[in-house]
Amino acid sequence: MLEQAGLKTPASVTLPKQAFHDMGAAALTARVVERLGPELFVKPRACGSAFGVSRVDYAEDLPQALMACFAYHDEALIERRVTGTEIAVAVADLGDGPRALPVVEIVADGLYDYTARYTPGVVEFHCPARLPAEVGQEAARVAVAAHQALGLLDLSRTDAIVTEAGEVFVLETNVAPGMTETSTYPMALAEAGLDFGGFCRDLAAQAAHRNGLFA
């Protein structure tokens, strides 16, 4: 759906757990590497907080990464690795249409995994992201386009990689973004001058009216 909307995503394959057993690790690894190359990311098709996500540097690491992934979901998304600046772009819609909040740049020492996401001080964040103005605008456009292409309401967060050439590759769009002290959505709200509590109140009221809970 993202590609149909004209957005860039890493080349990928989706692999069910049963195929891993049926084909065998060696044959499957050969097929995947032939198509995507040896430098990959493996992640559960549906999950959160980077559970089951692995970075693959060599072909022989792929079977172990798949086993880690299948502990969380029966389908794995295997993506060709795209290198660059990791960003998160929050999108908010308080009734006047979706708009992107300031882009957050994520600088992790290693994989931006569960520990890195929820341990204060482990990851360096920059909001707004240290990107050229036109690249930041493109990242904002991409996040809103992803939100609309997926038919989302109220809020979302699109995670992406910006290459050295300034291309924005969408990794995923989150429909229930984290709201902890180390999460990027509250950082973007603060940079945009929006009060976190007031934002949550307004979203709740908007949803209640939409669902007929208030007259």
C-alpha atoms as a PDB file:
ATOM      1  CA  MET A   1       0.000   0.000   0.000  1.00  0.00           C
ATOM      2  CA  LEU A   2       2.860   2.375   0.747  1.00  0.00           C
ATOM      3  CA  GLU A   3       4.515   1.628  -2.576  1.00  0.00           C
ATOM      4  CA  GLN A   4       1.214   2.128  -4.381  1.00  0.00           C
ATOM      5  CA  ALA A   5       1.076   5.572  -2.772  1.00  0.00           C
ATOM      6  CA  GLY A   6       4.444   6.350  -4.345  1.00  0.00           C
ATOM      7  CA  LEU A   7       6.516   5.955  -1.179  1.00  0.00           C
ATOM      8  CA  LYS A   8       9.877   4.196  -0.993  1.00  0.00           C
ATOM      9  CA  THR A   9      10.279   1.102   1.193  1.00  0.00           C
ATOM     10  CA  PRO A  10      13.217  -1.318   1.491  1.00  0.00           C
ATOM     11  CA  ALA A  11      13.073  -4.326  -0.832  1.00  0.00           C
ATOM     12  CA  SER A  12      11.630  -7.188   1.201  1.00  0.00           C
ATOM     13  CA  VAL A  13      10.054 -10.607   1.385  1.00  0.00           C
ATOM     14  CA  THR A  14       7.500 -11.908   3.877  1.00  0.00           C
ATOM     15  CA  LEU A  15       8.180 -15.429   5.065  1.00  0.00           C
ATOM     16  CA  PRO A  16       5.794 -17.685   7.012  1.00  0.00           C
ATOM     17  CA  LYS A  17       7.260 -19.876   9.720  1.00  0.00           C
ATOM     18  CA  GLN A  18       6.095 -23.003   7.884  1.00  0.00           C
ATOM     19  CA  ALA A  19       8.258 -22.146   4.871  1.00  0.00           C
ATOM     20  CA  PHE A  20      11.318 -22.074   7.101  1.00  0.00           C
ATOM     21  CA  HIS A  21      10.614 -25.647   8.153  1.00  0.00           C
ATOM     22  CA  ASP A  22       9.582 -26.859   4.693  1.00  0.00           C
ATOM     23  CA  MET A  23      12.504 -25.411   2.724  1.00  0.00           C
ATOM     24  CA  GLY A  24      15.223 -25.812   5.332  1.00  0.00           C
ATOM     25  CA  ALA A  25      17.617 -23.132   6.540  1.00  0.00           C
ATOM     26  CA  ALA A  26      20.257 -23.565   3.818  1.00  0.00           C
ATOM     27  CA  ALA A  27      17.920 -23.408   0.812  1.00  0.00           C
ATOM     28  CA  LEU A  28      15.889 -20.575   2.263  1.00  0.00           C
ATOM     29  CA  THR A  29      18.975 -18.514   3.133  1.00  0.00           C
ATOM     30  CA  ALA A  30      20.331 -18.934  -0.387  1.00  0.00           C
ATOM     31  CA  ARG A  31      17.055 -17.745  -1.937  1.00  0.00           C
ATOM     32  CA  VAL A  32      16.743 -14.714   0.331  1.00  0.00           C
ATOM     33  CA  VAL A  33      20.353 -13.621  -0.082  1.00  0.00           C
ATOM     34  CA  GLU A  34      20.110 -14.028  -3.846  1.00  0.00           C
ATOM     35  CA  ARG A  35      17.141 -11.673  -3.894  1.00  0.00           C
ATOM     36  CA  LEU A  36      17.993  -9.147  -1.179  1.00  0.00           C
ATOM     37  CA  GLY A  37      21.708  -9.494  -0.452  1.00  0.00           C
ATOM     38  CA  PRO A  38      23.354 -10.556   2.826  1.00  0.00           C
ATOM     39  CA  GLU A  39      22.847  -7.334   4.824  1.00  0.00           C
ATOM     40  CA  LEU A  40      19.316  -7.499   6.158  1.00  0.00           C
ATOM     41  CA  PHE A  41      16.880  -6.705   8.911  1.00  0.00           C
ATOM     42  CA  VAL A  42      14.486  -9.384  10.141  1.00  0.00           C
ATOM     43  CA  LYS A  43      11.383  -8.402  12.087  1.00  0.00           C
ATOM     44  CA  PRO A  44       8.003  -9.896  13.030  1.00  0.00           C
ATOM     45  CA  ARG A  45       5.288  -8.957  10.546  1.00  0.00           C
ATOM     46  CA  ALA A  46       3.248  -7.463  13.390  1.00  0.00           C
ATOM     47  CA  CYS A  47       4.632  -6.582  16.792  1.00  0.00           C
ATOM     48  CA  GLY A  48       6.058  -3.582  18.623  1.00  0.00           C
ATOM     49  CA  SER A  49       8.930  -2.167  20.677  1.00  0.00           C
ATOM     50  CA  ALA A  50      11.463  -3.915  18.407  1.00  0.00           C
ATOM     51  CA  PHE A  51      10.657  -7.337  19.881  1.00  0.00           C
ATOM     52  CA  GLY A  52      12.128 -10.074  17.698  1.00  0.00           C
ATOM     53  CA  VAL A  53      14.055  -7.664  15.460  1.00  0.00           C
ATOM     54  CA  SER A  54      17.558  -8.670  14.358  1.00  0.00           C
ATOM     55  CA  ARG A  55      20.228  -7.103  12.195  1.00  0.00           C
ATOM     56  CA  VAL A  56      21.877  -9.591   9.822  1.00  0.00           C
ATOM     57  CA  ASP A  57      25.407  -8.867   8.627  1.00  0.00           C
ATOM     58  CA  TYR A  58      26.246 -12.249   7.077  1.00  0.00           C
ATOM     59  CA  ALA A  59      24.145 -14.885   5.336  1.00  0.00           C
ATOM     60  CA  GLU A  60      24.927 -17.500   7.982  1.00  0.00           C
ATOM     61  CA  ASP A  61      23.264 -15.289  10.616  1.00  0.00           C
ATOM     62  CA  LEU A  62      19.871 -15.356   8.899  1.00  0.00           C
ATOM     63  CA  PRO A  63      18.500 -18.665  10.316  1.00  0.00           C
ATOM     64  CA  GLN A  64      19.161 -17.561  13.896  1.00  0.00           C
ATOM     65  CA  ALA A  65      17.517 -14.202  13.230  1.00  0.00           C
ATOM     66  CA  LEU A  66      14.447 -15.943  11.836  1.00  0.00           C
ATOM     67  CA  MET A  67      14.157 -18.182  14.878  1.00  0.00           C
ATOM     68  CA  ALA A  68      14.298 -15.129  17.143  1.00  0.00           C
ATOM     69  CA  CYS A  69      11.604 -13.501  15.031  1.00  0.00           C
ATOM     70  CA  PHE A  70       9.302 -16.530  15.035  1.00  0.00           C
ATOM     71  CA  ALA A  71       9.255 -16.453  18.830  1.00  0.00           C
ATOM     72  CA  TYR A  72       7.011 -13.372  18.466  1.00  0.00           C
ATOM     73  CA  HIS A  73       5.052 -13.986  15.263  1.00  0.00           C
ATOM     74  CA  ASP A  74       4.480 -16.719  12.694  1.00  0.00           C
ATOM     75  CA  GLU A  75       5.490 -14.455   9.811  1.00  0.00           C
ATOM     76  CA  ALA A  76       8.784 -12.659   9.312  1.00  0.00           C
ATOM     77  CA  LEU A  77       9.431  -9.537   7.277  1.00  0.00           C
ATOM     78  CA  ILE A  78      12.950  -9.685   5.818  1.00  0.00           C
ATOM     79  CA  GLU A  79      14.178  -6.353   4.489  1.00  0.00           C
ATOM     80  CA  ARG A  80      17.253  -5.299   2.558  1.00  0.00           C
ATOM     81  CA  ARG A  81      19.218  -3.022   4.866  1.00  0.00           C
ATOM     82  CA  VAL A  82      19.049   0.659   4.009  1.00  0.00           C
ATOM     83  CA  THR A  83      21.701   2.795   5.701  1.00  0.00           C
ATOM     84  CA  GLY A  84      21.434   6.421   6.718  1.00  0.00           C
ATOM     85  CA  THR A  85      19.875   8.604   9.390  1.00  0.00           C
ATOM     86  CA  GLU A  86      17.126   6.969  11.438  1.00  0.00           C
ATOM     87  CA  ILE A  87      14.125   9.206  12.032  1.00  0.00           C
ATOM     88  CA  ALA A  88      10.635   9.068  13.506  1.00  0.00           C
ATOM     89  CA  VAL A  89       7.886  11.366  12.245  1.00  0.00           C
ATOM     90  CA  ALA A  90       4.768  11.802  14.357  1.00  0.00           C
ATOM     91  CA  VAL A  91       1.490  12.653  12.637  1.00  0.00           C
ATOM     92  CA  ALA A  92      -1.445  14.230  14.479  1.00  0.00           C
ATOM     93  CA  ASP A  93      -4.988  15.012  13.370  1.00  0.00           C
ATOM     94  CA  LEU A  94      -7.084  17.071  15.786  1.00  0.00           C
ATOM     95  CA  GLY A  95      -9.899  17.553  13.318  1.00  0.00           C
ATOM     96  CA  ASP A  96      -8.278  19.762  10.696  1.00  0.00           C
ATOM     97  CA  GLY A  97      -6.501  17.005   8.802  1.00  0.00           C
ATOM     98  CA  PRO A  98      -3.277  15.103   9.486  1.00  0.00           C
ATOM     99  CA  ARG A  99      -0.096  17.103   9.895  1.00  0.00           C
ATOM    100  CA  ALA A 100       3.444  16.073  10.654  1.00  0.00           C
ATOM    101  CA  LEU A 101       5.085  17.158  13.882  1.00  0.00           C
ATOM    102  CA  PRO A 102       8.812  18.018  14.037  1.00  0.00           C
ATOM    103  CA  VAL A 103      11.018  15.149  12.866  1.00  0.00           C
ATOM    104  CA  VAL A 104      12.974  13.285  15.564  1.00  0.00           C
ATOM    105  CA  GLU A 105      16.443  11.945  14.749  1.00  0.00           C
ATOM    106  CA  ILE A 106      17.510   8.774  16.572  1.00  0.00           C
ATOM    107  CA  VAL A 107      21.201   8.131  17.239  1.00  0.00           C
ATOM    108  CA  ALA A 108      21.683   4.716  18.841  1.00  0.00           C
ATOM    109  CA  ASP A 109      24.962   3.015  19.653  1.00  0.00           C
ATOM    110  CA  GLY A 110      24.043  -0.234  17.951  1.00  0.00           C
ATOM    111  CA  LEU A 111      20.572  -1.600  17.327  1.00  0.00           C
ATOM    112  CA  TYR A 112      17.646   0.567  18.418  1.00  0.00           C
ATOM    113  CA  ASP A 113      16.150  -2.375  20.301  1.00  0.00           C
ATOM    114  CA  TYR A 114      13.843  -2.727  23.300  1.00  0.00           C
ATOM    115  CA  THR A 115      16.554  -1.868  25.826  1.00  0.00           C
ATOM    116  CA  ALA A 116      17.669   1.160  23.863  1.00  0.00           C
ATOM    117  CA  ARG A 117      14.093   2.379  23.473  1.00  0.00           C
ATOM    118  CA  TYR A 118      13.173   2.276  27.138  1.00  0.00           C
ATOM    119  CA  THR A 119      16.422   2.999  29.006  1.00  0.00           C
ATOM    120  CA  PRO A 120      16.864   6.739  29.589  1.00  0.00           C
ATOM    121  CA  GLY A 121      20.177   8.128  28.393  1.00  0.00           C
ATOM    122  CA  VAL A 122      21.133   5.221  26.149  1.00  0.00           C
ATOM    123  CA  VAL A 123      19.998   6.854  22.903  1.00  0.00           C
ATOM    124  CA  GLU A 124      20.691  10.373  21.661  1.00  0.00           C
ATOM    125  CA  PHE A 125      17.718  12.208  20.169  1.00  0.00           C
ATOM    126  CA  HIS A 126      17.628  15.394  18.113  1.00  0.00           C
ATOM    127  CA  CYS A 127      14.332  17.218  17.637  1.00  0.00           C
ATOM    128  CA  PRO A 128      14.118  18.734  15.158  1.00  0.00           C
ATOM    129  CA  ALA A 129      16.319  16.291  13.273  1.00  0.00           C
ATOM    130  CA  ARG A 130      19.634  17.511  11.873  1.00  0.00           C
ATOM    131  CA  LEU A 131      18.480  17.334   8.263  1.00  0.00           C
ATOM    132  CA  PRO A 132      18.533  19.860   5.426  1.00  0.00           C
ATOM    133  CA  ALA A 133      15.264  21.797   5.361  1.00  0.00           C
ATOM    134  CA  GLU A 134      14.085  20.232   2.107  1.00  0.00           C
ATOM    135  CA  VAL A 135      14.785  16.704   3.395  1.00  0.00           C
ATOM    136  CA  GLY A 136      12.887  17.403   6.604  1.00  0.00           C
ATOM    137  CA  GLN A 137       9.945  18.646   4.549  1.00  0.00           C
ATOM    138  CA  GLU A 138      10.065  15.492   2.434  1.00  0.00           C
ATOM    139  CA  ALA A 139      10.102  13.320   5.569  1.00  0.00           C
ATOM    140  CA  ALA A 140       7.031  15.180   6.831  1.00  0.00           C
ATOM    141  CA  ARG A 141       5.265  14.716   3.492  1.00  0.00           C
ATOM    142  CA  VAL A 142       6.068  11.010   3.468  1.00  0.00           C
ATOM    143  CA  ALA A 143       4.726  10.492   7.003  1.00  0.00           C
ATOM    144  CA  VAL A 144       1.430  12.215   6.203  1.00  0.00           C
ATOM    145  CA  ALA A 145       1.153  10.304   2.918  1.00  0.00           C
ATOM    146  CA  ALA A 146       1.697   7.012   4.766  1.00  0.00           C
ATOM    147  CA  HIS A 147      -0.932   7.965   7.354  1.00  0.00           C
ATOM    148  CA  GLN A 148      -3.445   8.692   4.601  1.00  0.00           C
ATOM    149  CA  ALA A 149      -2.558   5.707   2.423  1.00  0.00           C
ATOM    150  CA  LEU A 150      -3.205   3.359   5.344  1.00  0.00           C
ATOM    151  CA  GLY A 151      -6.500   5.042   6.212  1.00  0.00           C
ATOM    152  CA  LEU A 152      -5.429   5.964   9.742  1.00  0.00           C
ATOM    153  CA  LEU A 153      -7.173   8.231  12.242  1.00  0.00           C
ATOM    154  CA  ASP A 154      -6.020  10.669  14.920  1.00  0.00           C
ATOM    155  CA  LEU A 155      -2.337   9.798  15.248  1.00  0.00           C
ATOM    156  CA  SER A 156       0.483   7.675  13.888  1.00  0.00           C
ATOM    157  CA  ARG A 157       4.267   7.564  13.823  1.00  0.00           C
ATOM    158  CA  THR A 158       6.245   6.670  10.726  1.00  0.00           C
ATOM    159  CA  ASP A 159       9.782   5.359  11.182  1.00  0.00           C
ATOM    160  CA  ALA A 160      12.136   5.879   8.272  1.00  0.00           C
ATOM    161  CA  ILE A 161      15.715   5.972   7.082  1.00  0.00           C
ATOM    162  CA  VAL A 162      17.098   8.993   5.232  1.00  0.00           C
ATOM    163  CA  THR A 163      19.953   8.025   2.909  1.00  0.00           C
ATOM    164  CA  GLU A 164      22.969  10.213   2.142  1.00  0.00           C
ATOM    165  CA  ALA A 165      21.224  11.156  -1.099  1.00  0.00           C
ATOM    166  CA  GLY A 166      18.238  12.472   0.876  1.00  0.00           C
ATOM    167  CA  GLU A 167      15.849   9.659  -0.053  1.00  0.00           C
ATOM    168  CA  VAL A 168      13.290   8.745   2.607  1.00  0.00           C
ATOM    169  CA  PHE A 169      12.618   5.008   2.978  1.00  0.00           C
ATOM    170  CA  VAL A 170       9.644   4.076   5.143  1.00  0.00           C
ATOM    171  CA  LEU A 171      10.353   1.219   7.535  1.00  0.00           C
ATOM    172  CA  GLU A 172       6.949   1.053   9.188  1.00  0.00           C
ATOM    173  CA  THR A 173       4.016   3.123  10.360  1.00  0.00           C
ATOM    174  CA  ASN A 174       2.875   2.653  13.955  1.00  0.00           C
ATOM    175  CA  VAL A 175      -0.804   3.049  14.822  1.00  0.00           C
ATOM    176  CA  ALA A 176      -0.186   3.016  18.596  1.00  0.00           C
ATOM    177  CA  PRO A 177       3.094   4.903  19.054  1.00  0.00           C
ATOM    178  CA  GLY A 178       4.893   4.788  22.381  1.00  0.00           C
ATOM    179  CA  MET A 179       4.127   7.549  24.873  1.00  0.00           C
ATOM    180  CA  THR A 180       6.809   6.936  27.515  1.00  0.00           C
ATOM    181  CA  GLU A 181       9.475   9.375  28.690  1.00  0.00           C
ATOM    182  CA  THR A 182      11.902   7.937  26.129  1.00  0.00           C
ATOM    183  CA  SER A 183       9.411   7.753  23.247  1.00  0.00           C
ATOM    184  CA  THR A 184       9.727  10.041  20.256  1.00  0.00           C
ATOM    185  CA  TYR A 185       6.050  11.063  19.957  1.00  0.00           C
ATOM    186  CA  PRO A 186       6.027  13.146  23.182  1.00  0.00           C
ATOM    187  CA  MET A 187       9.317  14.750  22.074  1.00  0.00           C
ATOM    188  CA  ALA A 188       7.704  15.856  18.831  1.00  0.00           C
ATOM    189  CA  LEU A 189       4.631  17.171  20.662  1.00  0.00           C
ATOM    190  CA  ALA A 190       6.827  19.244  22.971  1.00  0.00           C
ATOM    191  CA  GLU A 191       8.854  20.646  20.056  1.00  0.00           C
ATOM    192  CA  ALA A 192       5.579  21.587  18.325  1.00  0.00           C
ATOM    193  CA  GLY A 193       4.461  23.440  21.456  1.00  0.00           C
ATOM    194  CA  LEU A 194       1.604  21.033  22.209  1.00  0.00           C
ATOM    195  CA  ASP A 195       0.802  20.033  25.778  1.00  0.00           C
ATOM    196  CA  PHE A 196       0.909  16.245  26.143  1.00  0.00           C
ATOM    197  CA  GLY A 197      -2.065  15.996  28.502  1.00  0.00           C
ATOM    198  CA  GLY A 198      -4.160  18.408  26.474  1.00  0.00           C
ATOM    199  CA  PHE A 199      -3.338  16.534  23.263  1.00  0.00           C
ATOM    200  CA  CYS A 200      -4.455  13.208  24.754  1.00  0.00           C
ATOM    201  CA  ARG A 201      -7.641  14.837  26.117  1.00  0.00           C
ATOM    202  CA  ASP A 202      -8.493  16.331  22.730  1.00  0.00           C
ATOM    203  CA  LEU A 203      -7.882  13.031  20.934  1.00  0.00           C
ATOM    204  CA  ALA A 204     -10.103  11.191  23.406  1.00  0.00           C
ATOM    205  CA  ALA A 205     -12.878  13.764  23.003  1.00  0.00           C
ATOM    206  CA  GLN A 206     -12.596  13.595  19.217  1.00  0.00           C
ATOM    207  CA  ALA A 207     -12.873   9.795  19.262  1.00  0.00           C
ATOM    208  CA  ALA A 208     -15.816   9.936  21.643  1.00  0.00           C
ATOM    209  CA  HIS A 209     -17.735  12.335  19.386  1.00  0.00           C
ATOM    210  CA  ARG A 210     -16.901  10.247  16.320  1.00  0.00           C
ATOM    211  CA  ASN A 211     -18.321   7.153  17.983  1.00  0.00           C
ATOM    212  CA  GLY A 212     -21.466   8.846  19.237  1.00  0.00           C
ATOM    213  CA  LEU A 213     -20.570   8.777  22.923  1.00  0.00           C
ATOM    214  CA  PHE A 214     -21.300  12.483  23.297  1.00  0.00           C
ATOM    215  CA  ALA A 215     -24.244  14.387  21.861  1.00  0.00           C
END
